[in-house]
């Protein structure tokens, strides 16, 4: 019988939102709600054949594959996992499988993150979390928020999520500008957005929202230079991935109040340490990587896993990324 570990199920919903009954006779399932460090993972996962991960919540470097000799299958969400060493998985004979692309398309995968980004933006510019804390302390208002109508929203990235953000911005009466490494003026115009250069994006934006995929090209894409171009009245929103922004540079501009503030759903290390500087700043709104985390999306994420594990158990794995492993089976 396969031993299956569901990792980082923070909300404790993995077994509830998907039908795992098809594995009753072929797998023993264990849910890990708390995040495991690499050392904790090595100790806890020695006997497991299959790992089910949710996005980048758990890193899977070469050193982990080397120390989990029983591991045969890793089930990921998405078509790649930046913190999973695919070459190491392949060398160790571990299959990595992804979900059905059609299910994501049908589900409107861009919507949850765009909605969260918009909520985070409003909470940030209207100082909602600060005022919420004061109300709970028996106090009354002290801050003065800013309206979004008439402001310029800058989009770093105009893919599925970026385009949804542009649609929302027009409803709020905002002007929208965009840039990314792959964006063309024609594509921007087609989306009803003004194409600008990278420096202009940062210097003109009243709110700068990040919507590019983390890759070797985008890691550290936002540096002290770009942050230094932002207006002192501007806000930065990041619901994409923490390492896209130079975190130390961001902490510096926030601490020195060279920008108005930030709304952050993602961080270099997740979860960030309890004493992390970003937790101490009063001009930052923080959420714990909630962008895609809705009941509907988690139902899709987890719902893809049982049939894939069952197919693997039958000796006919589906949706394999590192197909070289199959050549040696």
Protein backbone atom coordinates (compact mmCIF):
# COMPACT_ATOMS: atom_id res chain seq x y z
CA UNK A 1 0.00 0.00 0.00
CA UNK A 2 1.32 3.44 -0.95
CA UNK A 3 2.02 5.89 1.84
CA UNK A 4 0.85 9.35 0.78
CA UNK A 5 1.68 12.61 2.56
CA UNK A 6 -0.36 15.76 1.99
CA UNK A 7 1.94 18.63 2.95
CA UNK A 8 1.22 22.13 4.26
CA UNK A 9 -2.54 21.78 4.51
CA UNK A 10 -2.66 24.89 6.70
CA UNK A 11 -6.44 25.12 6.66
CA UNK A 12 -7.01 21.41 7.22
CA UNK A 13 -9.33 21.06 4.22
CA UNK A 14 -7.50 18.70 1.85
CA UNK A 15 -9.54 15.63 2.76
CA UNK A 16 -12.77 17.63 2.89
CA UNK A 17 -12.75 19.44 -0.46
CA UNK A 18 -11.75 16.49 -2.67
CA UNK A 19 -12.84 12.87 -3.06
CA UNK A 20 -9.99 10.60 -1.95
CA UNK A 21 -12.15 7.48 -1.65
CA UNK A 22 -10.69 6.03 -4.83
CA UNK A 23 -7.46 5.46 -2.92
CA UNK A 24 -9.02 3.56 -0.02
CA UNK A 25 -7.59 0.21 -1.05
CA UNK A 26 -4.27 1.40 -2.44
CA UNK A 27 -3.01 4.21 -0.23
CA UNK A 28 -2.65 5.30 3.37
CA UNK A 29 -2.98 9.09 3.59
CA UNK A 30 -1.40 11.33 6.23
CA UNK A 31 -2.03 15.07 6.38
CA UNK A 32 0.63 17.47 7.65
CA UNK A 33 -0.94 20.81 8.56
CA UNK A 34 2.16 22.49 9.95
CA UNK A 35 4.98 23.59 7.68
CA UNK A 36 8.01 21.30 7.81
CA UNK A 37 11.56 22.53 7.55
CA UNK A 38 13.87 20.36 5.49
CA UNK A 39 15.24 18.63 8.56
CA UNK A 40 11.76 18.02 9.91
CA UNK A 41 10.68 16.71 6.51
CA UNK A 42 13.58 14.27 6.37
CA UNK A 43 12.61 12.93 9.78
CA UNK A 44 8.86 12.80 9.13
CA UNK A 45 8.72 11.60 5.52
CA UNK A 46 11.18 8.70 5.47
CA UNK A 47 8.47 6.08 4.94
CA UNK A 48 6.39 7.91 2.34
CA UNK A 49 6.12 7.01 -1.33
CA UNK A 50 4.08 10.01 -2.51
CA UNK A 51 4.15 13.69 -1.57
CA UNK A 52 1.32 16.08 -2.44
CA UNK A 53 2.46 19.70 -2.37
CA UNK A 54 0.60 22.98 -2.64
CA UNK A 55 2.50 25.53 -4.71
CA UNK A 56 5.84 26.57 -3.17
CA UNK A 57 4.88 26.04 0.45
CA UNK A 58 7.57 23.38 0.79
CA UNK A 59 10.95 23.58 -0.97
CA UNK A 60 12.20 20.35 -2.52
CA UNK A 61 15.93 20.79 -3.15
CA UNK A 62 18.39 18.09 -4.19
CA UNK A 63 19.35 17.50 -0.57
CA UNK A 64 15.79 16.44 0.25
CA UNK A 65 15.55 13.97 -2.63
CA UNK A 66 18.89 12.50 -1.55
CA UNK A 67 17.54 11.80 1.93
CA UNK A 68 14.12 10.38 1.02
CA UNK A 69 15.05 7.07 -0.63
CA UNK A 70 11.49 5.67 -0.65
CA UNK A 71 10.01 8.63 -2.47
CA UNK A 72 8.55 7.72 -5.89
CA UNK A 73 6.08 10.47 -6.79
CA UNK A 74 5.59 14.19 -6.18
CA UNK A 75 2.23 15.70 -7.07
CA UNK A 76 2.52 19.46 -7.63
CA UNK A 77 0.04 22.24 -8.31
CA UNK A 78 0.78 24.17 -11.50
CA UNK A 79 3.02 23.28 -14.40
CA UNK A 80 6.28 23.92 -12.61
CA UNK A 81 7.55 24.45 -9.10
CA UNK A 82 10.41 26.95 -8.81
CA UNK A 83 11.67 25.55 -5.52
CA UNK A 84 11.66 21.92 -6.70
CA UNK A 85 14.90 20.62 -8.18
CA UNK A 86 13.53 18.79 -11.22
CA UNK A 87 16.91 17.44 -12.26
CA UNK A 88 17.46 15.95 -8.82
CA UNK A 89 13.99 14.39 -8.85
CA UNK A 90 14.73 12.83 -12.23
CA UNK A 91 18.14 11.54 -11.18
CA UNK A 92 16.58 9.91 -8.14
CA UNK A 93 13.82 8.29 -10.19
CA UNK A 94 11.02 10.40 -8.68
CA UNK A 95 8.13 11.21 -10.99
CA UNK A 96 6.75 14.75 -10.81
CA UNK A 97 3.20 15.21 -12.08
CA UNK A 98 1.07 18.30 -12.68
CA UNK A 99 -2.70 18.91 -12.81
CA UNK A 100 -4.96 18.85 -15.85
CA UNK A 101 -4.54 22.24 -17.62
CA UNK A 102 -8.20 22.21 -18.74
CA UNK A 103 -9.48 22.12 -15.17
CA UNK A 104 -7.61 25.33 -14.37
CA UNK A 105 -8.99 27.05 -17.45
CA UNK A 106 -12.54 26.05 -16.61
CA UNK A 107 -12.13 27.25 -13.04
CA UNK A 108 -11.00 30.78 -13.94
CA UNK A 109 -7.67 30.42 -12.18
CA UNK A 110 -6.86 34.13 -12.55
CA UNK A 111 -9.80 35.31 -10.47
CA UNK A 112 -8.91 34.42 -6.85
CA UNK A 113 -5.48 36.09 -6.93
CA UNK A 114 -6.78 39.18 -8.73
CA UNK A 115 -9.59 39.51 -6.21
CA UNK A 116 -7.16 39.16 -3.31
CA UNK A 117 -4.82 41.72 -4.88
CA UNK A 118 -7.66 44.17 -5.16
CA UNK A 119 -8.77 43.61 -1.60
CA UNK A 120 -5.20 43.99 -0.40
CA UNK A 121 -4.89 47.20 -2.39
CA UNK A 122 -8.00 48.74 -0.84
CA UNK A 123 -6.99 47.62 2.65
CA UNK A 124 -3.58 49.23 2.13
CA UNK A 125 -4.57 52.59 0.67
CA UNK A 126 -7.45 53.01 3.15
CA UNK A 127 -5.39 51.77 6.13
CA UNK A 128 -8.13 49.29 7.01
CA UNK A 129 -6.03 46.88 9.07
CA UNK A 130 -4.64 49.68 11.25
CA UNK A 131 -8.10 51.08 11.92
CA UNK A 132 -9.46 47.58 12.58
CA UNK A 133 -6.85 47.07 15.29
CA UNK A 134 -7.70 50.44 16.87
CA UNK A 135 -11.41 49.63 16.89
CA UNK A 136 -10.71 46.36 18.71
CA UNK A 137 -8.74 48.35 21.28
CA UNK A 138 -11.76 50.60 21.93
CA UNK A 139 -10.29 53.52 19.97
CA UNK A 140 -11.42 55.56 16.96
CA UNK A 141 -9.98 56.69 13.64
CA UNK A 142 -6.63 58.43 13.28
CA UNK A 143 -5.60 57.81 9.67
CA UNK A 144 -6.66 59.36 6.40
CA UNK A 145 -7.01 56.99 3.45
CA UNK A 146 -6.72 57.70 -0.26
CA UNK A 147 -9.36 57.08 -2.93
CA UNK A 148 -8.42 55.04 -5.99
CA UNK A 149 -10.52 56.85 -8.60
CA UNK A 150 -8.31 58.96 -10.82
CA UNK A 151 -5.07 57.29 -9.72
CA UNK A 152 -2.74 55.34 -12.01
CA UNK A 153 -2.43 51.61 -11.53
CA UNK A 154 0.84 50.17 -12.79
CA UNK A 155 0.87 46.49 -13.66
CA UNK A 156 4.14 44.62 -13.70
CA UNK A 157 2.86 41.82 -15.90
CA UNK A 158 -0.22 41.68 -18.10
CA UNK A 159 -1.01 37.97 -18.28
CA UNK A 160 -4.27 36.38 -17.14
CA UNK A 161 -4.18 37.97 -13.69
CA UNK A 162 -2.84 41.31 -14.92
CA UNK A 163 -5.63 41.60 -17.48
CA UNK A 164 -8.20 40.88 -14.80
CA UNK A 165 -6.64 43.60 -12.66
CA UNK A 166 -6.95 46.04 -15.57
CA UNK A 167 -10.65 45.21 -15.88
CA UNK A 168 -11.22 45.91 -12.19
CA UNK A 169 -9.21 49.14 -12.39
CA UNK A 170 -11.45 50.57 -15.09
CA UNK A 171 -14.50 49.97 -12.88
CA UNK A 172 -12.76 51.95 -10.13
CA UNK A 173 -11.97 54.80 -12.52
CA UNK A 174 -8.22 54.24 -12.57
CA UNK A 175 -5.83 54.75 -15.46
CA UNK A 176 -3.80 51.60 -16.20
CA UNK A 177 -0.23 51.31 -17.46
CA UNK A 178 1.82 48.14 -17.82
CA UNK A 179 5.23 46.68 -18.58
CA UNK A 180 6.86 43.29 -18.53
CA UNK A 181 9.75 41.62 -20.29
CA UNK A 182 7.42 39.95 -22.80
CA UNK A 183 4.72 42.60 -23.15
CA UNK A 184 4.39 44.38 -26.48
CA UNK A 185 2.66 47.73 -27.15
CA UNK A 186 0.16 45.90 -29.37
CA UNK A 187 -0.78 43.40 -26.64
CA UNK A 188 -1.19 46.23 -24.12
CA UNK A 189 -3.42 48.19 -26.48
CA UNK A 190 -5.54 45.11 -27.11
CA UNK A 191 -6.08 44.83 -23.34
CA UNK A 192 -7.00 48.52 -23.11
CA UNK A 193 -3.81 49.37 -21.25
CA UNK A 194 -1.06 51.89 -21.97
CA UNK A 195 2.33 50.30 -22.62
CA UNK A 196 5.26 52.05 -20.90
CA UNK A 197 8.92 51.32 -20.20
CA UNK A 198 10.02 49.73 -16.95
CA UNK A 199 11.34 52.90 -15.32
CA UNK A 200 8.25 54.85 -16.37
CA UNK A 201 6.03 52.16 -14.89
CA UNK A 202 7.57 52.68 -11.46
CA UNK A 203 7.81 56.47 -11.64
CA UNK A 204 4.23 57.06 -12.82
CA UNK A 205 2.31 54.47 -10.80
CA UNK A 206 0.29 55.52 -7.78
CA UNK A 207 -0.24 51.83 -7.07
CA UNK A 208 2.19 49.27 -8.50
CA UNK A 209 0.86 45.69 -8.56
CA UNK A 210 3.07 42.71 -9.46
CA UNK A 211 1.73 39.91 -11.66
CA UNK A 212 4.66 38.09 -13.27
CA UNK A 213 5.66 34.48 -12.74
CA UNK A 214 8.76 33.79 -10.66
CA UNK A 215 11.58 32.53 -12.88
CA UNK A 216 15.29 33.04 -13.33
CA UNK A 217 14.47 36.16 -15.37
CA UNK A 218 12.10 37.69 -12.84
CA UNK A 219 13.90 36.82 -9.61
CA UNK A 220 15.12 40.17 -8.26
CA UNK A 221 13.38 42.02 -11.08
CA UNK A 222 12.39 44.84 -8.71
CA UNK A 223 15.54 46.30 -7.17
CA UNK A 224 16.43 49.37 -5.14
CA UNK A 225 16.62 51.27 -8.42
CA UNK A 226 12.98 50.64 -9.35
CA UNK A 227 11.76 51.22 -5.80
CA UNK A 228 13.69 54.48 -5.75
CA UNK A 229 11.73 55.69 -8.77
CA UNK A 230 8.39 55.35 -7.00
CA UNK A 231 6.53 58.38 -5.69
CA UNK A 232 6.62 58.93 -1.93
CA UNK A 233 2.81 58.70 -2.08
CA UNK A 234 2.79 55.38 -3.99
CA UNK A 235 2.01 51.86 -2.78
CA UNK A 236 3.40 48.50 -3.88
CA UNK A 237 1.19 45.40 -3.97
CA UNK A 238 2.71 41.94 -4.37
CA UNK A 239 0.52 38.86 -4.65
CA UNK A 240 2.85 37.06 -7.07
CA UNK A 241 6.06 35.80 -5.42
CA UNK A 242 8.31 37.38 -2.81
CA UNK A 243 11.70 36.93 -4.55
CA UNK A 244 10.58 39.05 -7.52
CA UNK A 245 11.30 42.03 -5.26
CA UNK A 246 14.61 42.67 -3.49
CA UNK A 247 13.24 42.24 0.02
CA UNK A 248 16.01 44.16 1.79
CA UNK A 249 15.55 47.09 -0.58
CA UNK A 250 11.79 47.03 0.00
CA UNK A 251 12.24 47.00 3.77
CA UNK A 252 14.56 49.99 3.44
CA UNK A 253 12.15 52.16 1.43
CA UNK A 254 9.27 51.24 3.72
CA UNK A 255 11.25 51.86 6.91
CA UNK A 256 12.45 55.23 5.60
CA UNK A 257 8.94 56.01 4.29
CA UNK A 258 10.22 56.70 0.79
CA UNK A 259 6.99 55.11 -0.44
CA UNK A 260 3.61 55.29 1.26
CA UNK A 261 3.34 51.60 2.00
CA UNK A 262 2.89 48.08 0.69
CA UNK A 263 0.40 45.26 0.64
CA UNK A 264 2.19 41.90 0.66
CA UNK A 265 0.79 38.40 0.31
CA UNK A 266 4.12 36.73 -0.54
CA UNK A 267 7.59 36.67 1.00
CA UNK A 268 11.11 35.39 0.35
CA UNK A 269 10.68 32.73 3.01
CA UNK A 270 7.21 31.48 3.87
CA UNK A 271 6.14 31.76 6.52
CA UNK A 272 8.48 34.63 7.44
CA UNK A 273 10.17 34.45 10.82
CA UNK A 274 8.14 35.79 13.77
CA UNK A 275 10.62 38.65 14.19
CA UNK A 276 10.84 39.45 10.48
CA UNK A 277 11.18 43.23 9.88
CA UNK A 278 8.09 43.34 7.66
CA UNK A 279 5.99 42.19 10.61
CA UNK A 280 7.10 45.25 12.55
CA UNK A 281 6.33 48.00 10.02
CA UNK A 282 3.10 49.97 10.44
CA UNK A 283 2.84 50.95 6.76
CA UNK A 284 2.54 47.37 5.51
CA UNK A 285 -0.58 45.21 5.17
CA UNK A 286 0.30 41.53 5.39
CA UNK A 287 -1.60 38.39 4.39
CA UNK A 288 -0.26 34.78 4.52
CA UNK A 289 -0.13 33.86 0.80
CA UNK A 290 -3.89 33.82 0.37
CA UNK A 291 -3.89 34.74 -3.33
CA UNK A 292 -5.13 31.47 -4.75
CA UNK A 293 -6.53 30.07 -1.50
CA UNK A 294 -10.27 29.81 -1.92
CA UNK A 295 -12.44 26.76 -1.34
CA UNK A 296 -13.10 26.54 -5.07
CA UNK A 297 -9.43 26.59 -6.05
CA UNK A 298 -8.34 24.17 -3.33
CA UNK A 299 -11.10 21.81 -4.48
CA UNK A 300 -9.52 21.87 -7.93
CA UNK A 301 -5.95 21.56 -6.64
CA UNK A 302 -6.67 18.61 -4.38
CA UNK A 303 -9.30 17.09 -6.66
CA UNK A 304 -6.64 16.48 -9.32
CA UNK A 305 -4.46 14.45 -6.97
CA UNK A 306 -6.37 11.21 -6.15
CA UNK A 307 -6.88 10.09 -9.78
CA UNK A 308 -3.25 10.84 -10.57
CA UNK A 309 -2.06 8.79 -7.60
CA UNK A 310 -4.41 5.96 -8.58
CA UNK A 311 -3.02 5.99 -12.13
CA UNK A 312 0.51 5.82 -10.74
CA UNK A 313 -0.45 2.89 -8.51
CA UNK A 314 -1.78 1.05 -11.58
CA UNK A 315 1.54 1.55 -13.33
CA UNK A 316 0.16 4.07 -15.85
CA UNK A 317 1.18 7.50 -14.51
CA UNK A 318 -0.47 10.54 -16.09
CA UNK A 319 0.58 14.17 -16.58
CA UNK A 320 4.26 13.44 -15.95
CA UNK A 321 6.63 16.40 -16.26
CA UNK A 322 10.00 14.63 -16.09
CA UNK A 323 9.22 11.87 -18.59
CA UNK A 324 12.87 10.74 -18.63
CA UNK A 325 12.14 8.83 -15.45
CA UNK A 326 9.69 6.62 -17.33
CA UNK A 327 12.42 5.47 -19.70
CA UNK A 328 14.21 3.79 -16.84
CA UNK A 329 11.19 2.19 -15.19
